[in-house]
Amino acid sequence: MTLSAGVVAREKFTEQSDDGFDAIMQISVQGSRSVDRVFLADMIQAQQGQVCFVRSLGGLIATYSYSAYSASKYAVVGMASVLRQELDRAGVGVTLVCPRRSTRQW
């Protein structure tokens, strides 16, 4: 199962509304968590499975004017890291993929 949820807004922290910040966190973090919880019980019961979170480098490297986006991606990186520890004995693997932005023009 691969999880990928996200939305981006290029706004400085001091200029972003609370609702805008909350929406980004809701989609990115809660979206990933909600999908994961649907399938996780069956994987644990079967003692096998693989969860793959698709994130971005925004969860590893902070970028000017992307405070909500980076915060949401850092949160998912942390969640995936904890899940990897928690699910190891259950036979469920957790992978985190952080693709880099392509510089190729299409």
Protein backbone atom coordinates (compact mmCIF):
# COMPACT_ATOMS: atom_id res chain seq x y z
CA MET A 1 0.00 0.00 0.00
CA THR A 2 1.39 3.40 -0.94
CA LEU A 3 0.18 6.56 0.76
CA SER A 4 0.51 9.93 -0.86
CA ALA A 5 -1.44 12.99 0.19
CA GLY A 6 -0.48 16.59 0.04
CA VAL A 7 -1.18 20.14 -0.91
CA VAL A 8 1.21 23.04 -1.10
CA ALA A 9 0.88 26.75 -0.49
CA ARG A 10 3.75 29.18 -0.85
CA GLU A 11 3.06 31.60 1.98
CA LYS A 12 5.22 33.03 4.69
CA PHE A 13 4.34 31.90 8.20
CA THR A 14 3.25 35.42 9.23
CA GLU A 15 0.99 35.75 6.18
CA GLN A 16 -0.75 32.38 6.23
CA SER A 17 -4.19 32.06 7.79
CA ASP A 18 -4.89 29.56 10.52
CA ASP A 19 -7.40 27.84 8.24
CA GLY A 20 -4.84 27.59 5.43
CA PHE A 21 -2.25 26.07 7.75
CA ASP A 22 -4.79 23.66 9.24
CA ALA A 23 -5.96 22.53 5.79
CA ILE A 24 -2.43 21.62 4.73
CA MET A 25 -1.83 19.69 7.95
CA GLN A 26 -5.20 17.95 7.66
CA ILE A 27 -4.65 16.76 4.10
CA SER A 28 -1.02 15.75 4.45
CA VAL A 29 -0.87 14.29 7.95
CA GLN A 30 -4.42 13.21 8.72
CA GLY A 31 -4.94 12.05 5.13
CA SER A 32 -2.00 9.69 5.35
CA ARG A 33 -2.99 8.50 8.81
CA SER A 34 -6.61 7.86 7.84
CA VAL A 35 -5.73 5.71 4.83
CA ASP A 36 -3.11 3.82 6.82
CA ARG A 37 -5.53 2.96 9.61
CA VAL A 38 -8.00 1.40 7.14
CA PHE A 39 -5.52 -1.27 6.02
CA LEU A 40 -3.17 -1.63 8.97
CA ALA A 41 -5.29 -3.96 11.15
CA ASP A 42 -5.47 -6.55 8.35
CA MET A 43 -1.72 -6.33 7.75
CA ILE A 44 -0.98 -6.80 11.45
CA GLN A 45 -3.35 -9.75 11.66
CA ALA A 46 -1.70 -11.34 8.59
CA GLN A 47 1.73 -10.47 10.01
CA GLN A 48 2.81 -9.17 6.64
CA GLY A 49 2.51 -6.13 4.46
CA GLN A 50 4.29 -2.98 3.44
CA VAL A 51 3.24 0.62 3.93
CA CYS A 52 4.93 3.19 1.70
CA PHE A 53 4.56 6.89 2.41
CA VAL A 54 5.39 9.16 -0.53
CA ARG A 55 6.57 12.51 0.80
CA SER A 56 8.90 15.13 -0.52
CA LEU A 57 12.24 16.62 0.31
CA GLY A 58 10.15 19.33 1.98
CA GLY A 59 9.95 16.92 4.91
CA LEU A 60 13.72 16.86 5.24
CA ILE A 61 14.82 20.31 4.11
CA ALA A 62 13.07 23.52 5.17
CA THR A 63 12.31 25.96 2.36
CA TYR A 64 11.61 29.69 2.71
CA SER A 65 7.88 30.53 2.57
CA TYR A 66 6.72 26.91 2.81
CA SER A 67 6.26 26.69 6.59
CA ALA A 68 2.97 24.77 6.58
CA TYR A 69 4.07 22.47 3.77
CA SER A 70 7.37 21.68 5.45
CA ALA A 71 5.71 21.20 8.84
CA SER A 72 3.22 18.74 7.35
CA LYS A 73 5.94 16.79 5.56
CA TYR A 74 8.19 16.72 8.65
CA ALA A 75 5.18 15.36 10.59
CA VAL A 76 4.67 12.51 8.13
CA VAL A 77 8.38 11.68 8.17
CA GLY A 78 8.16 11.44 11.97
CA MET A 79 4.98 9.35 11.84
CA ALA A 80 6.52 6.93 9.33
CA SER A 81 9.66 6.61 11.46
CA VAL A 82 7.64 5.73 14.55
CA LEU A 83 5.43 3.30 12.62
CA ARG A 84 8.54 1.54 11.31
CA GLN A 85 9.55 0.86 14.92
CA GLU A 86 6.06 -0.06 16.13
CA LEU A 87 5.22 -2.42 13.24
CA ASP A 88 8.54 -4.22 12.94
CA ARG A 89 7.57 -7.11 15.24
CA ALA A 90 4.19 -7.37 13.51
CA GLY A 91 5.90 -8.21 10.21
CA VAL A 92 4.73 -5.01 8.53
CA GLY A 93 7.36 -2.88 6.84
CA VAL A 94 7.27 0.88 6.47
CA THR A 95 9.01 2.72 3.65
CA LEU A 96 9.34 6.47 3.24
CA VAL A 97 10.07 7.81 -0.24
CA CYS A 98 11.14 11.43 -0.62
CA PRO A 99 11.50 12.16 -4.35
CA ARG A 100 13.41 15.21 -5.40
CA ARG A 101 11.88 17.85 -7.59
CA SER A 102 12.62 17.22 -11.23
CA THR A 103 14.49 19.91 -13.13
CA ARG A 104 13.53 18.33 -16.42
CA GLN A 105 11.22 20.36 -18.63
CA TRP A 106 8.36 18.39 -20.19
